[in-house]
Amino acid sequence: MAETLGQDNYNNLHLLVQTAQTWVVNEFDALCQTLTKELEAKSYDELDSREPITYKAPTIDEIGKNRNAP
């Protein structure tokens, strides 16, 4: 039996997306606060001596694969 996107199913999907988005925003904000506290505790000289931040966007072949944390 196939399901269609009726109003009830749409409402459930919408609620799930909203709940997930709220969770992600809250987790991101908490991590930003933690990182801010850690960095503010360091001196400017110590921060300046750190390696520059680098970012490598995933290629099409890498999408869906976990990257190893440094």
N, C-alpha and C. Protein backbone atom coordinates (compact mmCIF):
# COMPACT_ATOMS: atom_id res chain seq x y z
N MET A 1 0.84 -1.16 0.00
CA MET A 1 0.00 0.00 0.00
C MET A 1 0.90 1.24 0.00
N ALA A 2 0.63 2.17 -0.85
CA ALA A 2 1.43 3.40 -0.95
C ALA A 2 0.80 4.50 -0.12
N GLU A 3 1.65 5.30 0.48
CA GLU A 3 1.20 6.45 1.25
C GLU A 3 1.26 7.69 0.37
N THR A 4 0.34 8.59 0.57
CA THR A 4 0.37 9.86 -0.13
C THR A 4 0.61 10.97 0.89
N LEU A 5 0.98 12.11 0.40
CA LEU A 5 1.24 13.23 1.30
C LEU A 5 -0.07 13.96 1.56
N GLY A 6 -0.86 13.37 2.44
CA GLY A 6 -2.10 14.01 2.86
C GLY A 6 -1.80 15.04 3.93
N GLN A 7 -2.84 15.75 4.35
CA GLN A 7 -2.66 16.82 5.33
C GLN A 7 -2.09 16.29 6.64
N ASP A 8 -2.57 15.13 7.11
CA ASP A 8 -2.05 14.57 8.37
C ASP A 8 -0.57 14.23 8.25
N ASN A 9 -0.20 13.59 7.15
CA ASN A 9 1.21 13.23 6.95
C ASN A 9 2.06 14.49 6.81
N TYR A 10 1.56 15.48 6.09
CA TYR A 10 2.30 16.73 5.93
C TYR A 10 2.52 17.40 7.28
N ASN A 11 1.48 17.45 8.10
CA ASN A 11 1.61 18.09 9.42
C ASN A 11 2.64 17.37 10.29
N ASN A 12 2.65 16.05 10.24
CA ASN A 12 3.64 15.28 11.01
C ASN A 12 5.05 15.55 10.51
N LEU A 13 5.22 15.57 9.18
CA LEU A 13 6.53 15.84 8.61
C LEU A 13 6.99 17.25 8.97
N HIS A 14 6.08 18.21 8.88
CA HIS A 14 6.41 19.60 9.21
C HIS A 14 6.85 19.72 10.67
N LEU A 15 6.13 19.06 11.57
CA LEU A 15 6.47 19.08 13.00
C LEU A 15 7.84 18.44 13.23
N LEU A 16 8.11 17.33 12.55
CA LEU A 16 9.41 16.67 12.69
C LEU A 16 10.54 17.59 12.23
N VAL A 17 10.35 18.26 11.11
CA VAL A 17 11.38 19.16 10.59
C VAL A 17 11.59 20.33 11.55
N GLN A 18 10.52 20.90 12.06
CA GLN A 18 10.65 22.01 13.01
C GLN A 18 11.38 21.58 14.28
N THR A 19 11.05 20.41 14.78
CA THR A 19 11.69 19.90 16.00
C THR A 19 13.18 19.65 15.76
N ALA A 20 13.51 19.05 14.62
CA ALA A 20 14.91 18.78 14.29
C ALA A 20 15.68 20.09 14.13
N GLN A 21 15.07 21.06 13.47
CA GLN A 21 15.74 22.35 13.25
C GLN A 21 15.99 23.06 14.59
N THR A 22 15.04 23.02 15.48
CA THR A 22 15.21 23.63 16.80
C THR A 22 16.35 22.95 17.56
N TRP A 23 16.42 21.62 17.49
CA TRP A 23 17.49 20.89 18.17
C TRP A 23 18.84 21.28 17.61
N VAL A 24 18.97 21.35 16.29
CA VAL A 24 20.25 21.69 15.65
C VAL A 24 20.69 23.10 16.06
N VAL A 25 19.77 24.05 16.04
CA VAL A 25 20.10 25.43 16.41
C VAL A 25 20.56 25.48 17.87
N ASN A 26 19.88 24.77 18.76
CA ASN A 26 20.26 24.77 20.18
C ASN A 26 21.64 24.14 20.38
N GLU A 27 21.91 23.03 19.71
CA GLU A 27 23.22 22.39 19.81
C GLU A 27 24.32 23.30 19.27
N PHE A 28 24.07 23.93 18.14
CA PHE A 28 25.04 24.85 17.54
C PHE A 28 25.35 26.00 18.49
N ASP A 29 24.30 26.60 19.06
CA ASP A 29 24.49 27.71 19.99
C ASP A 29 25.28 27.29 21.22
N ALA A 30 25.00 26.10 21.74
CA ALA A 30 25.74 25.61 22.92
C ALA A 30 27.21 25.39 22.58
N LEU A 31 27.49 24.82 21.42
CA LEU A 31 28.88 24.61 21.02
C LEU A 31 29.60 25.94 20.80
N CYS A 32 28.90 26.92 20.23
CA CYS A 32 29.50 28.25 20.04
C CYS A 32 29.84 28.89 21.38
N GLN A 33 28.97 28.76 22.36
CA GLN A 33 29.23 29.33 23.68
C GLN A 33 30.44 28.66 24.32
N THR A 34 30.54 27.34 24.20
CA THR A 34 31.68 26.61 24.76
C THR A 34 32.98 27.05 24.09
N LEU A 35 32.97 27.11 22.78
CA LEU A 35 34.16 27.51 22.04
C LEU A 35 34.56 28.95 22.36
N THR A 36 33.58 29.83 22.47
CA THR A 36 33.85 31.23 22.80
C THR A 36 34.54 31.34 24.16
N LYS A 37 34.04 30.60 25.15
CA LYS A 37 34.65 30.63 26.48
C LYS A 37 36.09 30.13 26.43
N GLU A 38 36.32 29.04 25.69
CA GLU A 38 37.68 28.49 25.59
C GLU A 38 38.63 29.48 24.93
N LEU A 39 38.18 30.11 23.85
CA LEU A 39 39.05 31.04 23.12
C LEU A 39 39.27 32.34 23.88
N GLU A 40 38.26 32.81 24.59
CA GLU A 40 38.41 34.06 25.35
C GLU A 40 39.37 33.89 26.52
N ALA A 41 39.59 32.67 26.96
CA ALA A 41 40.51 32.41 28.07
C ALA A 41 41.97 32.46 27.62
N LYS A 42 42.22 32.48 26.32
CA LYS A 42 43.58 32.48 25.79
C LYS A 42 44.03 33.91 25.47
N SER A 43 45.34 34.12 25.50
CA SER A 43 45.88 35.44 25.19
C SER A 43 45.88 35.64 23.67
N TYR A 44 45.99 36.90 23.25
CA TYR A 44 46.05 37.20 21.82
C TYR A 44 47.28 36.57 21.18
N ASP A 45 48.40 36.58 21.89
CA ASP A 45 49.62 35.96 21.34
C ASP A 45 49.42 34.46 21.13
N GLU A 46 48.77 33.81 22.09
CA GLU A 46 48.52 32.38 21.98
C GLU A 46 47.57 32.09 20.80
N LEU A 47 46.56 32.91 20.65
CA LEU A 47 45.63 32.74 19.53
C LEU A 47 46.32 33.01 18.20
N ASP A 48 47.16 34.03 18.17
CA ASP A 48 47.84 34.41 16.93
C ASP A 48 48.84 33.34 16.49
N SER A 49 49.36 32.58 17.43
CA SER A 49 50.37 31.57 17.09
C SER A 49 49.74 30.26 16.60
N ARG A 50 48.45 30.15 16.65
CA ARG A 50 47.77 28.92 16.20
C ARG A 50 47.82 28.82 14.68
N GLU A 51 47.73 27.59 14.19
CA GLU A 51 47.68 27.38 12.75
C GLU A 51 46.39 27.98 12.20
N PRO A 52 46.44 28.49 10.97
CA PRO A 52 45.23 29.05 10.38
C PRO A 52 44.15 27.98 10.19
N ILE A 53 42.93 28.40 10.24
CA ILE A 53 41.81 27.49 10.02
C ILE A 53 41.72 27.17 8.54
N THR A 54 41.55 25.91 8.24
CA THR A 54 41.36 25.51 6.84
C THR A 54 40.06 24.72 6.74
N TYR A 55 39.46 24.77 5.58
CA TYR A 55 38.22 24.04 5.33
C TYR A 55 38.27 23.46 3.94
N LYS A 56 37.92 22.20 3.84
CA LYS A 56 37.86 21.54 2.54
C LYS A 56 36.44 21.06 2.34
N ALA A 57 35.76 21.64 1.36
CA ALA A 57 34.40 21.22 1.06
C ALA A 57 34.41 19.81 0.49
N PRO A 58 33.43 18.99 0.84
CA PRO A 58 33.41 17.64 0.31
C PRO A 58 33.15 17.63 -1.20
N THR A 59 33.76 16.67 -1.86
CA THR A 59 33.49 16.49 -3.27
C THR A 59 32.25 15.60 -3.42
N ILE A 60 31.78 15.47 -4.61
CA ILE A 60 30.59 14.63 -4.86
C ILE A 60 30.83 13.21 -4.35
N ASP A 61 32.04 12.68 -4.56
CA ASP A 61 32.35 11.31 -4.12
C ASP A 61 32.39 11.18 -2.60
N GLU A 62 32.63 12.27 -1.89
CA GLU A 62 32.77 12.21 -0.43
C GLU A 62 31.46 12.45 0.31
N ILE A 63 30.46 12.94 -0.40
CA ILE A 63 29.18 13.23 0.26
C ILE A 63 28.60 11.93 0.81
N GLY A 64 28.19 11.97 2.04
CA GLY A 64 27.63 10.79 2.68
C GLY A 64 28.64 9.97 3.47
N LYS A 65 29.93 10.27 3.32
CA LYS A 65 30.96 9.57 4.07
C LYS A 65 31.38 10.41 5.28
N ASN A 66 31.68 9.76 6.39
CA ASN A 66 32.16 10.45 7.57
C ASN A 66 33.61 10.86 7.37
N ARG A 67 33.93 12.09 7.78
CA ARG A 67 35.31 12.54 7.75
C ARG A 67 35.94 12.32 9.11
N ASN A 68 37.20 11.97 9.14
CA ASN A 68 37.90 11.77 10.41
C ASN A 68 38.21 13.12 11.01
N ALA A 69 37.93 13.26 12.29
CA ALA A 69 38.26 14.50 13.00
C ALA A 69 39.77 14.55 13.21
N PRO A 70 40.34 15.77 13.15
CA PRO A 70 41.80 15.88 13.35
C PRO A 70 42.23 15.50 14.74
